[in-house]
Amino acid sequence: MESEQARTIKVLQLAVQMEVDGKEFYQKASRKSSNQLARELFRQLANEEDIHRKRFEEIYKVLRRGQSWPDVEPPFEKGKRIKSLFAEASRTLGTNFKIAESELEAIKTAMDMEIRSYNLYHSRSAESALPVEKQFYKTLAGEERGHHLALLDSYEYLSDPAGWFTKKEHWSLDGA
């Protein structure tokens, strides 16, 4: 039977790899994107994946030395930078822009990646008996959920800007 320490290290290795893969995907998608919002969104997500990876590597090094889970602050952005980026881009771009189908597909792929990360971190938070580890994964799960929601909002905006504005601004026709 696998020890808790071995399980924790295995999850950390998986998490590091997921963050590395995510960063690479976002960097590639950013370079390929011709749409300003998509390009900046992917660039910002790549930066945040790198921050997550670094935190996981810090913890991994400590645990590999046989020490207990360190008191490492989880990255805690709550998607603030992504939200402000999105708000600015939607004001600037309005409804008059073009988006390639490949960019929308990249956003859908990114949403799937963020859900997988969320599921891993959420389940690890539920499994852990150590409060500091539990809180770390809970916070990261929230970060990944925020990434997913930002990507979903971006997808809706980029695929149907007029519909997005109608929904967000609560426009309606009153028949008068």
Protein backbone atom coordinates (compact mmCIF):
# COMPACT_ATOMS: atom_id res chain seq x y z
CA MET A 1 0.00 0.00 0.00
CA GLU A 2 1.25 3.45 -0.93
CA SER A 3 2.19 5.80 1.92
CA GLU A 4 0.59 9.22 2.24
CA GLN A 5 4.00 10.84 1.62
CA ALA A 6 4.45 8.84 -1.61
CA ARG A 7 0.93 9.74 -2.74
CA THR A 8 1.55 13.41 -2.01
CA ILE A 9 4.80 13.38 -4.00
CA LYS A 10 3.08 11.63 -6.90
CA VAL A 11 0.32 14.26 -6.97
CA LEU A 12 2.93 17.03 -6.85
CA GLN A 13 4.79 15.50 -9.80
CA LEU A 14 1.54 15.29 -11.76
CA ALA A 15 0.64 18.86 -10.82
CA VAL A 16 4.04 20.17 -11.95
CA GLN A 17 3.67 18.38 -15.27
CA MET A 18 0.13 19.71 -15.77
CA GLU A 19 1.31 23.27 -15.09
CA VAL A 20 4.29 22.87 -17.46
CA ASP A 21 2.03 21.47 -20.18
CA GLY A 22 -0.48 24.26 -19.58
CA LYS A 23 2.18 26.95 -19.86
CA GLU A 24 3.51 25.46 -23.10
CA PHE A 25 0.00 25.23 -24.55
CA TYR A 26 -0.83 28.82 -23.61
CA GLN A 27 2.45 30.18 -24.97
CA LYS A 28 1.91 28.39 -28.28
CA ALA A 29 -1.72 29.52 -28.49
CA SER A 30 -0.69 33.11 -27.71
CA ARG A 31 1.91 33.11 -30.50
CA LYS A 32 -0.60 31.72 -33.00
CA SER A 33 -3.46 34.03 -32.07
CA SER A 34 -4.29 37.02 -34.24
CA ASN A 35 -6.96 38.30 -31.83
CA GLN A 36 -5.69 40.74 -29.20
CA LEU A 37 -7.90 39.44 -26.39
CA ALA A 38 -7.13 35.77 -27.03
CA ARG A 39 -3.40 36.49 -27.36
CA GLU A 40 -3.25 38.42 -24.07
CA LEU A 41 -5.49 35.94 -22.26
CA PHE A 42 -3.24 33.03 -23.26
CA ARG A 43 -0.12 35.01 -22.32
CA GLN A 44 -1.51 35.81 -18.86
CA LEU A 45 -2.60 32.21 -18.29
CA ALA A 46 0.90 31.00 -19.24
CA ASN A 47 2.34 33.33 -16.59
CA GLU A 48 -0.06 32.06 -13.94
CA GLU A 49 0.67 28.41 -14.78
CA ASP A 50 4.36 29.17 -14.27
CA ILE A 51 3.66 30.68 -10.84
CA HIS A 52 1.72 27.55 -9.88
CA ARG A 53 4.54 25.29 -11.10
CA LYS A 54 7.11 27.15 -9.02
CA ARG A 55 5.05 26.71 -5.85
CA PHE A 56 4.63 23.00 -6.51
CA GLU A 57 8.37 22.62 -7.09
CA GLU A 58 9.13 24.41 -3.78
CA ILE A 59 6.90 21.98 -1.91
CA TYR A 60 8.22 18.97 -3.81
CA LYS A 61 11.84 19.79 -2.89
CA VAL A 62 10.96 20.07 0.80
CA LEU A 63 9.04 16.79 0.84
CA ARG A 64 11.77 14.93 -1.06
CA ARG A 65 14.15 15.90 1.75
CA GLY A 66 11.85 14.05 4.14
CA GLN A 67 10.43 17.17 5.75
CA SER A 68 6.76 17.84 6.31
CA TRP A 69 4.55 20.02 4.11
CA PRO A 70 6.00 23.54 4.24
CA ASP A 71 4.04 26.64 5.09
CA VAL A 72 4.01 27.90 1.49
CA GLU A 73 1.52 30.54 0.50
CA PRO A 74 -0.62 29.34 -2.37
CA PRO A 75 -0.79 31.59 -5.40
CA PHE A 76 -3.85 33.72 -4.82
CA GLU A 77 -4.76 35.82 -7.79
CA LYS A 78 -8.51 35.11 -8.01
CA GLY A 79 -8.27 35.94 -11.70
CA LYS A 80 -7.96 39.68 -11.02
CA ARG A 81 -5.45 40.28 -13.81
CA ILE A 82 -7.43 38.18 -16.25
CA LYS A 83 -10.68 39.96 -15.37
CA SER A 84 -9.14 43.40 -15.86
CA LEU A 85 -7.53 42.27 -19.11
CA PHE A 86 -10.88 41.00 -20.33
CA ALA A 87 -12.75 44.16 -19.27
CA GLU A 88 -10.26 46.39 -21.08
CA ALA A 89 -10.26 44.25 -24.23
CA SER A 90 -14.06 44.10 -24.42
CA ARG A 91 -14.22 47.91 -24.13
CA THR A 92 -11.55 48.34 -26.81
CA LEU A 93 -12.72 45.66 -29.23
CA GLY A 94 -16.47 46.12 -28.87
CA THR A 95 -18.28 43.88 -31.34
CA ASN A 96 -16.21 44.61 -34.42
CA PHE A 97 -13.44 42.00 -34.71
CA LYS A 98 -12.64 38.67 -36.28
CA ILE A 99 -11.71 35.45 -34.56
CA ALA A 100 -10.40 32.32 -36.21
CA GLU A 101 -12.14 29.03 -35.48
CA SER A 102 -8.75 27.64 -34.42
CA GLU A 103 -8.58 30.28 -31.67
CA LEU A 104 -12.02 29.28 -30.39
CA GLU A 105 -10.91 25.64 -30.43
CA ALA A 106 -7.80 26.58 -28.45
CA ILE A 107 -10.01 28.26 -25.85
CA LYS A 108 -12.20 25.13 -25.61
CA THR A 109 -9.09 22.98 -25.16
CA ALA A 110 -7.86 25.39 -22.48
CA MET A 111 -11.21 25.15 -20.65
CA ASP A 112 -10.86 21.35 -20.58
CA MET A 113 -7.31 21.66 -19.22
CA GLU A 114 -8.44 24.00 -16.46
CA ILE A 115 -11.27 21.63 -15.48
CA ARG A 116 -8.79 18.74 -15.21
CA SER A 117 -6.53 20.85 -13.00
CA TYR A 118 -9.49 21.93 -10.89
CA ASN A 119 -10.61 18.32 -10.44
CA LEU A 120 -7.14 17.20 -9.35
CA TYR A 121 -6.68 20.03 -6.85
CA HIS A 122 -10.24 19.81 -5.54
CA SER A 123 -9.97 16.06 -4.95
CA ARG A 124 -6.56 16.41 -3.31
CA SER A 125 -7.95 19.09 -1.02
CA ALA A 126 -10.74 16.72 0.02
CA GLU A 127 -8.32 13.79 0.54
CA SER A 128 -5.64 15.57 2.54
CA ALA A 129 -5.68 15.30 6.31
CA LEU A 130 -3.10 18.07 6.69
CA PRO A 131 -4.83 21.48 7.04
CA VAL A 132 -2.08 23.48 5.30
CA GLU A 133 -2.05 21.09 2.32
CA LYS A 134 -5.85 21.03 2.23
CA GLN A 135 -5.98 24.86 2.11
CA PHE A 136 -3.23 25.04 -0.52
CA TYR A 137 -5.11 22.75 -2.90
CA LYS A 138 -8.44 24.39 -2.13
CA THR A 139 -7.00 27.78 -3.08
CA LEU A 140 -5.45 26.37 -6.26
CA ALA A 141 -8.73 24.71 -7.21
CA GLY A 142 -10.34 28.13 -6.90
CA GLU A 143 -7.64 29.64 -9.13
CA GLU A 144 -8.23 26.99 -11.80
CA ARG A 145 -11.99 27.50 -11.59
CA GLY A 146 -11.40 31.22 -12.10
CA HIS A 147 -9.27 30.46 -15.15
CA HIS A 148 -12.03 28.25 -16.54
CA LEU A 149 -14.68 30.92 -16.00
CA ALA A 150 -12.49 33.57 -17.66
CA LEU A 151 -11.97 31.27 -20.63
CA LEU A 152 -15.69 30.53 -20.83
CA ASP A 153 -16.52 34.24 -20.73
CA SER A 154 -13.89 34.89 -23.42
CA TYR A 155 -15.26 32.10 -25.58
CA GLU A 156 -18.79 33.47 -25.33
CA TYR A 157 -17.61 37.00 -26.05
CA LEU A 158 -15.38 36.05 -28.98
CA SER A 159 -17.91 33.70 -30.59
CA ASP A 160 -20.92 36.06 -30.21
CA PRO A 161 -19.92 39.57 -29.06
CA ALA A 162 -23.36 41.12 -29.58
CA GLY A 163 -25.02 38.30 -27.63
CA TRP A 164 -22.39 38.58 -24.91
CA PHE A 165 -23.01 42.33 -24.51
CA THR A 166 -26.77 41.73 -24.42
CA LYS A 167 -26.37 39.12 -21.70
CA LYS A 168 -23.83 41.08 -19.63
CA GLU A 169 -25.55 44.42 -19.93
CA HIS A 170 -29.01 42.88 -19.46
CA TRP A 171 -30.40 44.60 -22.51
CA SER A 172 -33.95 43.75 -23.38
CA LEU A 173 -36.69 44.69 -25.77
CA ASP A 174 -39.75 46.02 -24.01
CA GLY A 175 -42.11 46.36 -26.98
CA ALA A 176 -42.90 50.00 -26.27
